[in-house]
Amino acid sequence: MPAGFWTIWTTVALDLVGFGIVVPILGRYAERFGASGFEVGLLFATFSLAQMVFAPLLGRLSDRIGRKPVIVLSLVGTAIGSVVTGAAGALWVLFLGRALDGASGASVAVAQGAVIDIAPPEQRARLIGLLGAAFGVGFVVGPALGGLAALGGPHVPFYVAGAIAGINAIAAYIRLPETKPQTSVSQEKSTNRGSSLTPALRRMAIVLFIGTVSFAGFEATFSLFGQQRFSLTEGSNAMLFLFVGVVMVVVQGVLIGPLTVKLGSRSLMRMGLVVISLGFVGMAYTYSWAPLFVVLFMVAVGQGVFGPSSSALVAELAPEEKRGEALGYQQSAGALGRVVGPVLGGVLFDAAGTGAPYLFGAALMMIALAAVWSLTKPTVSSPM
């Protein structure tokens, strides 16, 4: 492992533990302030919208001043947002807290930039996959810790999440290495001009948006699908999501490295899109348990391959001095997809039937596949 990788990994994992504490209980917490179902949806959307706006800005800032200070700043912002949410006395304060937290949520993209800074090109997808496995850790440990903290009162989990983020910020300030390569004065000036969004990277942002819309629509409607097709309870749905999460962690943490060495990031990304699409088609026509596990396995494997491969390809396509900004745009596109996907999936589920969100998601994945099929690495000239 490159020096400093595990420090970056631990920083991201702890950040996502705090996120995992908040997400499962936020809706019930908001109901205490009279929030309707629509307002709860807006509360979740506020986080993603703030992240969509600020991720490219923080990514660009990390290209200018370094990864470490931006990661520390993001963690401090997350701590403040969590504390504001826990101390809220009115619904609008909850929205403020989620906006602060979302605006600070670029730490993952900046951490990806830090990993890419220190990783040899042939190891990028593997190390980004391991970083993605931190999501699984966060979403296993976080809800369990949040459930225990809630025994002390409804506000306590948010204070715990804020404390974790604050301690994480201090630890990152002390232990996190600066990974951004030193650049010359002329390079710094050129970094400040223009955008990192080359045509190839614009296409990648669109692909990530499309892929996230499909997967977020699946996540949002699966509990409804499970109840109608299989009479699943909330506990059964949670176990199936755990199954998907474990498969993704194994793919990203163990398999993505050797697969990338053998096949390359481009081929893996295309294969991931195909496998997800086939899984969605299968889900639309699944009415028994055994096929359900098969199609969920396909979706999890495809998503586990698609995520790190697309990030590695973005890093390959982006100019070295603008990687943070490029990864920030990708995170921004994903955040917008998490706003659009659940709404679109819910509308399709209500208007067109149980399998409609997944057939539509499969079609979107094929559109994404067409968009990246001919994508090749451009000749990188000196920045202008």
Protein backbone atom coordinates (compact mmCIF):
# COMPACT_ATOMS: atom_id res chain seq x y z
CA MET A 1 0.00 0.00 0.00
CA PRO A 2 1.25 3.52 -0.74
CA ALA A 3 2.28 5.44 2.37
CA GLY A 4 -0.65 7.31 3.88
CA PHE A 5 -3.38 5.23 2.25
CA TRP A 6 -4.75 3.68 5.42
CA THR A 7 -4.86 7.08 7.12
CA ILE A 8 -7.00 8.36 4.24
CA TRP A 9 -9.16 5.21 4.39
CA THR A 10 -9.74 5.55 8.13
CA THR A 11 -10.66 9.21 7.73
CA VAL A 12 -13.30 8.37 5.12
CA ALA A 13 -14.62 5.37 7.08
CA LEU A 14 -15.14 7.44 10.22
CA ASP A 15 -16.81 10.18 8.18
CA LEU A 16 -19.24 7.60 6.77
CA VAL A 17 -19.90 6.11 10.21
CA GLY A 18 -21.25 9.54 11.17
CA PHE A 19 -23.32 9.65 8.00
CA GLY A 20 -24.65 6.16 8.76
CA ILE A 21 -25.71 7.31 12.22
CA VAL A 22 -27.82 10.16 10.87
CA VAL A 23 -29.56 8.80 7.77
CA PRO A 24 -31.73 6.02 9.26
CA ILE A 25 -33.18 8.22 12.02
CA LEU A 26 -33.47 11.59 10.27
CA GLY A 27 -36.99 11.06 8.92
CA ARG A 28 -38.47 10.09 12.30
CA TYR A 29 -36.54 12.92 13.94
CA ALA A 30 -38.00 15.44 11.47
CA GLU A 31 -41.54 14.22 12.26
CA ARG A 32 -41.06 15.61 15.77
CA PHE A 33 -41.05 19.06 14.17
CA GLY A 34 -44.21 18.42 12.19
CA ALA A 35 -42.53 17.48 8.92
CA SER A 36 -44.73 15.84 6.30
CA GLY A 37 -43.51 13.02 4.08
CA PHE A 38 -42.86 15.54 1.31
CA GLU A 39 -40.81 17.72 3.67
CA VAL A 40 -38.79 14.70 4.81
CA GLY A 41 -38.01 14.02 1.15
CA LEU A 42 -36.94 17.62 0.69
CA LEU A 43 -34.75 17.31 3.78
CA PHE A 44 -32.82 14.45 2.21
CA ALA A 45 -32.72 16.25 -1.14
CA THR A 46 -31.23 19.34 0.54
CA PHE A 47 -28.12 17.38 1.45
CA SER A 48 -27.60 16.15 -2.11
CA LEU A 49 -28.33 19.55 -3.68
CA ALA A 50 -25.80 21.27 -1.39
CA GLN A 51 -23.26 18.57 -2.23
CA MET A 52 -23.98 19.01 -5.94
CA VAL A 53 -23.16 22.73 -5.73
CA PHE A 54 -20.12 22.59 -3.45
CA ALA A 55 -18.32 19.38 -4.51
CA PRO A 56 -16.69 20.92 -7.63
CA LEU A 57 -15.79 24.07 -5.67
CA LEU A 58 -14.07 22.13 -2.88
CA GLY A 59 -12.42 19.87 -5.44
CA ARG A 60 -11.00 22.91 -7.23
CA LEU A 61 -9.88 24.35 -3.88
CA SER A 62 -8.05 21.09 -3.12
CA ASP A 63 -6.19 21.45 -6.43
CA ARG A 64 -5.00 24.89 -5.34
CA ILE A 65 -4.21 24.56 -1.63
CA GLY A 66 -3.89 20.79 -1.17
CA ARG A 67 -6.10 17.82 -0.23
CA LYS A 68 -5.43 17.83 3.50
CA PRO A 69 -6.80 21.29 4.44
CA VAL A 70 -9.97 20.72 2.37
CA ILE A 71 -10.62 17.33 3.98
CA VAL A 72 -10.14 18.85 7.44
CA LEU A 73 -12.44 21.76 6.50
CA SER A 74 -15.09 19.32 5.25
CA LEU A 75 -14.96 17.32 8.48
CA VAL A 76 -15.33 20.48 10.56
CA GLY A 77 -18.34 21.48 8.44
CA THR A 78 -19.86 18.02 8.94
CA ALA A 79 -19.39 18.35 12.71
CA ILE A 80 -21.09 21.75 12.73
CA GLY A 81 -23.96 20.51 10.55
CA SER A 82 -24.57 17.50 12.82
CA VAL A 83 -24.56 19.63 15.97
CA VAL A 84 -26.94 22.16 14.39
CA THR A 85 -29.29 19.31 13.49
CA GLY A 86 -29.16 17.88 17.00
CA ALA A 87 -29.77 21.29 18.60
CA ALA A 88 -32.61 22.20 16.23
CA GLY A 89 -35.73 23.68 17.72
CA ALA A 90 -37.56 24.20 14.43
CA LEU A 91 -37.85 22.49 11.06
CA TRP A 92 -35.96 25.21 9.19
CA VAL A 93 -32.94 24.59 11.43
CA LEU A 94 -32.96 20.95 10.30
CA PHE A 95 -32.76 22.14 6.71
CA LEU A 96 -29.86 24.42 7.65
CA GLY A 97 -28.03 21.54 9.32
CA ARG A 98 -28.50 19.25 6.31
CA ALA A 99 -27.35 22.01 3.93
CA LEU A 100 -24.18 22.54 5.99
CA ASP A 101 -23.55 18.80 6.08
CA GLY A 102 -24.13 18.43 2.34
CA ALA A 103 -21.90 21.39 1.48
CA SER A 104 -19.16 19.71 3.53
CA GLY A 105 -19.74 16.35 1.89
CA ALA A 106 -16.99 16.66 -0.71
CA SER A 107 -14.50 14.94 1.58
CA VAL A 108 -15.00 11.64 -0.28
CA ALA A 109 -14.15 13.12 -3.70
CA VAL A 110 -11.15 14.95 -2.25
CA ALA A 111 -10.05 11.74 -0.51
CA GLN A 112 -10.30 9.96 -3.87
CA GLY A 113 -8.07 12.67 -5.30
CA ALA A 114 -5.59 12.07 -2.46
CA VAL A 115 -5.54 8.32 -3.16
CA ILE A 116 -5.01 8.92 -6.87
CA ASP A 117 -2.15 11.31 -6.03
CA ILE A 118 -0.25 8.54 -4.27
CA ALA A 119 -1.33 5.50 -6.32
CA PRO A 120 0.49 4.17 -9.37
CA PRO A 121 -1.91 4.15 -12.36
CA GLU A 122 -2.26 0.36 -12.32
CA GLN A 123 -3.38 0.44 -8.65
CA ARG A 124 -5.88 3.31 -8.83
CA ALA A 125 -9.04 1.26 -9.36
CA ARG A 126 -8.00 -1.20 -6.62
CA LEU A 127 -7.31 1.53 -4.05
CA ILE A 128 -10.45 3.47 -4.97
CA GLY A 129 -12.34 0.20 -4.58
CA LEU A 130 -10.89 -0.23 -1.10
CA LEU A 131 -11.91 3.35 -0.35
CA GLY A 132 -15.41 2.47 -1.56
CA ALA A 133 -15.44 -0.43 0.88
CA ALA A 134 -15.34 2.19 3.63
CA PHE A 135 -18.96 2.95 2.68
CA GLY A 136 -19.89 -0.57 3.71
CA VAL A 137 -18.14 -0.15 7.04
CA GLY A 138 -19.91 3.16 7.63
CA PHE A 139 -23.35 1.77 6.84
CA VAL A 140 -22.86 -1.28 9.06
CA VAL A 141 -21.33 0.45 12.09
CA GLY A 142 -23.19 3.77 11.80
CA PRO A 143 -26.82 2.63 12.17
CA ALA A 144 -25.90 0.28 15.02
CA LEU A 145 -24.11 3.08 16.85
CA GLY A 146 -26.97 5.49 16.12
CA GLY A 147 -29.49 3.02 17.55
CA LEU A 148 -27.52 2.77 20.78
CA ALA A 149 -27.08 6.56 20.99
CA ALA A 150 -30.83 7.07 20.51
CA LEU A 151 -31.41 5.35 23.85
CA GLY A 152 -30.13 8.56 25.40
CA GLY A 153 -32.68 10.71 23.57
CA PRO A 154 -33.58 11.75 20.02
CA HIS A 155 -30.90 14.47 19.85
CA VAL A 156 -28.02 12.34 21.08
CA PRO A 157 -27.18 10.48 17.81
CA PHE A 158 -26.58 13.79 16.03
CA TYR A 159 -24.25 14.96 18.79
CA VAL A 160 -22.40 11.64 18.57
CA ALA A 161 -22.06 12.06 14.79
CA GLY A 162 -20.79 15.61 15.33
CA ALA A 163 -18.27 14.43 17.93
CA ILE A 164 -17.00 11.71 15.58
CA ALA A 165 -16.56 14.26 12.79
CA GLY A 166 -14.83 16.72 15.11
CA ILE A 167 -12.40 14.12 16.47
CA ASN A 168 -11.84 12.90 12.93
CA ALA A 169 -10.95 16.45 11.84
CA ILE A 170 -8.36 16.75 14.62
CA ALA A 171 -6.90 13.33 13.80
CA ALA A 172 -6.77 14.20 10.09
CA TYR A 173 -5.02 17.49 10.86
CA ILE A 174 -2.37 15.61 12.84
CA ARG A 175 -1.97 12.38 10.84
CA LEU A 176 -3.17 12.94 7.28
CA PRO A 177 -0.35 13.46 4.78
CA GLU A 178 -0.52 16.09 2.07
CA THR A 179 -0.58 14.17 -1.19
CA LYS A 180 -0.97 16.85 -3.83
CA PRO A 181 2.21 17.13 -5.89
CA GLN A 182 4.02 20.43 -5.75
CA THR A 183 3.47 22.47 -8.90
CA SER A 184 5.36 25.32 -10.46
CA VAL A 185 4.10 28.90 -10.47
CA SER A 186 3.14 28.66 -14.15
CA GLN A 187 1.18 25.47 -13.47
CA GLU A 188 -0.61 27.12 -10.55
CA LYS A 189 -1.62 30.02 -12.78
CA SER A 190 -2.88 27.68 -15.48
CA THR A 191 -4.83 25.68 -12.91
CA ASN A 192 -6.79 28.80 -12.07
CA ARG A 193 -7.88 29.24 -15.70
CA GLY A 194 -10.51 27.23 -17.48
CA SER A 195 -12.42 24.18 -16.38
CA SER A 196 -11.44 20.55 -15.90
CA LEU A 197 -14.54 19.49 -17.82
CA THR A 198 -13.11 18.34 -21.14
CA PRO A 199 -15.61 16.71 -23.53
CA ALA A 200 -14.58 13.27 -22.29
CA LEU A 201 -15.08 14.27 -18.64
CA ARG A 202 -18.43 15.88 -19.44
CA ARG A 203 -19.47 12.58 -20.93
CA MET A 204 -18.27 10.75 -17.81
CA ALA A 205 -20.28 13.13 -15.60
CA ILE A 206 -23.39 12.40 -17.66
CA VAL A 207 -22.73 8.66 -17.40
CA LEU A 208 -22.36 8.88 -13.62
CA PHE A 209 -25.56 10.93 -13.38
CA ILE A 210 -27.47 8.36 -15.44
CA GLY A 211 -26.05 5.46 -13.44
CA THR A 212 -26.86 7.12 -10.13
CA VAL A 213 -30.42 7.94 -11.21
CA SER A 214 -30.96 4.24 -12.00
CA PHE A 215 -29.41 2.90 -8.80
CA ALA A 216 -31.05 5.53 -6.56
CA GLY A 217 -34.43 4.71 -8.12
CA PHE A 218 -33.80 1.05 -7.30
CA GLU A 219 -32.89 1.89 -3.68
CA ALA A 220 -35.93 4.12 -3.22
CA THR A 221 -38.52 1.70 -4.60
CA PHE A 222 -37.13 -1.69 -3.55
CA SER A 223 -39.00 -1.76 -0.22
CA LEU A 224 -42.28 -1.13 -2.11
CA PHE A 225 -41.34 -3.77 -4.69
CA GLY A 226 -40.49 -6.28 -1.96
CA GLN A 227 -43.74 -5.68 -0.11
CA GLN A 228 -45.90 -6.11 -3.22
CA ARG A 229 -44.07 -9.06 -4.81
CA PHE A 230 -42.77 -10.94 -1.75
CA SER A 231 -44.65 -9.50 1.28
CA LEU A 232 -41.33 -8.44 2.78
CA THR A 233 -41.23 -6.74 6.17
CA GLU A 234 -38.93 -3.84 7.05
CA GLY A 235 -36.54 -6.32 8.63
CA SER A 236 -36.48 -8.53 5.53
CA ASN A 237 -35.77 -5.52 3.32
CA ALA A 238 -32.94 -4.49 5.61
CA MET A 239 -31.40 -7.97 5.35
CA LEU A 240 -31.55 -7.88 1.54
CA PHE A 241 -29.91 -4.45 1.49
CA LEU A 242 -27.24 -5.86 3.81
CA PHE A 243 -26.70 -8.68 1.29
CA VAL A 244 -26.25 -6.12 -1.51
CA GLY A 245 -23.87 -4.08 0.65
CA VAL A 246 -21.71 -7.07 1.59
CA VAL A 247 -21.40 -8.16 -2.05
CA MET A 248 -20.37 -4.63 -3.07
CA VAL A 249 -17.78 -4.44 -0.28
CA VAL A 250 -16.25 -7.77 -1.37
CA VAL A 251 -16.15 -6.70 -5.02
CA GLN A 252 -14.65 -3.29 -4.26
CA GLY A 253 -12.31 -4.41 -1.52
CA VAL A 254 -11.06 -7.73 -2.93
CA LEU A 255 -11.90 -8.32 -6.59
CA ILE A 256 -11.58 -4.95 -8.29
CA GLY A 257 -7.76 -4.95 -8.15
CA PRO A 258 -7.08 -8.22 -9.98
CA LEU A 259 -9.97 -7.60 -12.37
CA THR A 260 -8.55 -4.19 -13.30
CA VAL A 261 -5.09 -5.66 -13.92
CA LYS A 262 -6.62 -8.29 -16.20
CA LEU A 263 -9.29 -6.27 -18.03
CA GLY A 264 -8.64 -2.53 -17.49
CA SER A 265 -10.94 0.17 -16.12
CA ARG A 266 -12.71 0.88 -19.42
CA SER A 267 -13.73 -2.72 -19.99
CA LEU A 268 -14.76 -3.17 -16.37
CA MET A 269 -16.92 -0.06 -16.43
CA ARG A 270 -18.69 -1.28 -19.56
CA MET A 271 -19.15 -4.73 -18.07
CA GLY A 272 -20.55 -3.20 -14.87
CA LEU A 273 -23.17 -1.26 -16.83
CA VAL A 274 -24.20 -4.40 -18.75
CA VAL A 275 -24.47 -6.53 -15.60
CA ILE A 276 -26.54 -3.90 -13.75
CA SER A 277 -28.85 -3.58 -16.75
CA LEU A 278 -29.38 -7.35 -16.93
CA GLY A 279 -30.00 -7.44 -13.19
CA PHE A 280 -32.65 -4.73 -13.45
CA VAL A 281 -34.42 -6.52 -16.32
CA GLY A 282 -34.39 -9.72 -14.30
CA MET A 283 -35.78 -7.92 -11.26
CA ALA A 284 -38.71 -6.55 -13.25
CA TYR A 285 -39.80 -10.12 -14.06
CA THR A 286 -38.84 -11.86 -10.80
CA TYR A 287 -41.59 -13.43 -8.68
CA SER A 288 -39.71 -16.05 -6.63
CA TRP A 289 -36.93 -16.01 -4.06
CA ALA A 290 -34.06 -17.77 -5.81
CA PRO A 291 -34.10 -15.51 -8.91
CA LEU A 292 -34.41 -12.48 -6.63
CA PHE A 293 -31.09 -13.27 -4.96
CA VAL A 294 -29.50 -13.85 -8.36
CA VAL A 295 -30.58 -10.50 -9.79
CA LEU A 296 -29.67 -8.63 -6.59
CA PHE A 297 -26.25 -10.28 -6.75
CA MET A 298 -25.89 -9.09 -10.35
CA VAL A 299 -26.86 -5.52 -9.47
CA ALA A 300 -24.45 -5.47 -6.52
CA VAL A 301 -21.53 -6.88 -8.55
CA GLY A 302 -22.20 -4.48 -11.43
CA GLN A 303 -22.40 -1.45 -9.16
CA GLY A 304 -19.33 -2.58 -7.23
CA VAL A 305 -17.36 -2.72 -10.48
CA PHE A 306 -18.81 0.41 -12.06
CA GLY A 307 -18.05 2.83 -9.20
CA PRO A 308 -14.27 2.45 -8.75
CA SER A 309 -13.69 1.86 -12.48
CA SER A 310 -15.42 5.10 -13.42
CA SER A 311 -13.44 7.06 -10.78
CA ALA A 312 -10.17 5.56 -12.02
CA LEU A 313 -11.09 6.48 -15.58
CA VAL A 314 -11.92 10.07 -14.54
CA ALA A 315 -8.50 10.30 -12.90
CA GLU A 316 -6.89 9.03 -16.11
CA LEU A 317 -8.77 11.51 -18.30
CA ALA A 318 -8.30 14.57 -16.06
CA PRO A 319 -5.20 16.78 -16.18
CA GLU A 320 -3.07 16.02 -13.12
CA GLU A 321 -3.36 19.56 -11.76
CA LYS A 322 -7.18 19.46 -11.97
CA ARG A 323 -8.01 15.99 -10.67
CA GLY A 324 -9.71 17.29 -7.54
CA GLU A 325 -12.05 19.50 -9.54
CA ALA A 326 -12.78 16.70 -12.03
CA LEU A 327 -13.64 14.24 -9.25
CA GLY A 328 -15.73 16.96 -7.60
CA TYR A 329 -17.80 17.32 -10.77
CA GLN A 330 -18.35 13.56 -10.79
CA GLN A 331 -19.52 13.68 -7.18
CA SER A 332 -21.76 16.60 -8.08
CA ALA A 333 -23.31 14.60 -10.92
CA GLY A 334 -23.89 11.69 -8.55
CA ALA A 335 -25.53 14.00 -5.99
CA LEU A 336 -27.93 15.31 -8.63
CA GLY A 337 -28.70 11.72 -9.58
CA ARG A 338 -29.60 10.96 -5.95
CA VAL A 339 -32.10 13.82 -6.06
CA VAL A 340 -33.71 12.83 -9.37
CA GLY A 341 -33.54 9.04 -9.06
CA PRO A 342 -35.85 8.44 -6.06
CA VAL A 343 -38.48 10.86 -7.37
CA LEU A 344 -38.43 9.38 -10.87
CA GLY A 345 -38.45 5.81 -9.54
CA GLY A 346 -41.43 6.54 -7.30
CA VAL A 347 -43.40 8.15 -10.12
CA LEU A 348 -42.74 5.19 -12.43
CA PHE A 349 -43.67 2.71 -9.70
CA ASP A 350 -47.03 4.42 -9.10
CA ALA A 351 -47.89 5.19 -12.73
CA ALA A 352 -46.49 2.26 -14.72
CA GLY A 353 -46.28 -0.71 -12.36
CA THR A 354 -43.98 -2.57 -10.02
CA GLY A 355 -41.28 -3.43 -12.55
CA ALA A 356 -41.26 -0.10 -14.39
CA PRO A 357 -38.45 1.60 -12.41
CA TYR A 358 -36.11 -1.31 -13.13
CA LEU A 359 -36.89 -1.59 -16.84
CA PHE A 360 -36.38 2.14 -17.14
CA GLY A 361 -33.16 1.87 -15.13
CA ALA A 362 -31.94 -0.90 -17.46
CA ALA A 363 -32.62 1.33 -20.47
CA LEU A 364 -30.69 4.19 -18.84
CA MET A 365 -27.74 1.89 -18.22
CA MET A 366 -27.68 0.99 -21.91
CA ILE A 367 -27.68 4.70 -22.80
CA ALA A 368 -24.72 5.16 -20.44
CA LEU A 369 -22.98 2.21 -22.07
CA ALA A 370 -23.41 3.77 -25.51
CA ALA A 371 -21.98 7.04 -24.18
CA VAL A 372 -18.76 5.45 -22.93
CA TRP A 373 -18.29 2.70 -25.49
CA SER A 374 -15.96 4.70 -27.73
CA LEU A 375 -14.34 6.72 -24.95
CA THR A 376 -10.58 6.81 -25.39
CA LYS A 377 -7.84 8.61 -23.57
CA PRO A 378 -7.13 11.96 -25.21
CA THR A 379 -3.65 13.30 -25.80
CA VAL A 380 -3.12 15.67 -22.89
CA SER A 381 -1.55 18.91 -23.92
CA SER A 382 -0.19 21.53 -21.60
CA PRO A 383 -2.99 23.46 -19.87
CA MET A 384 -4.02 26.74 -21.40
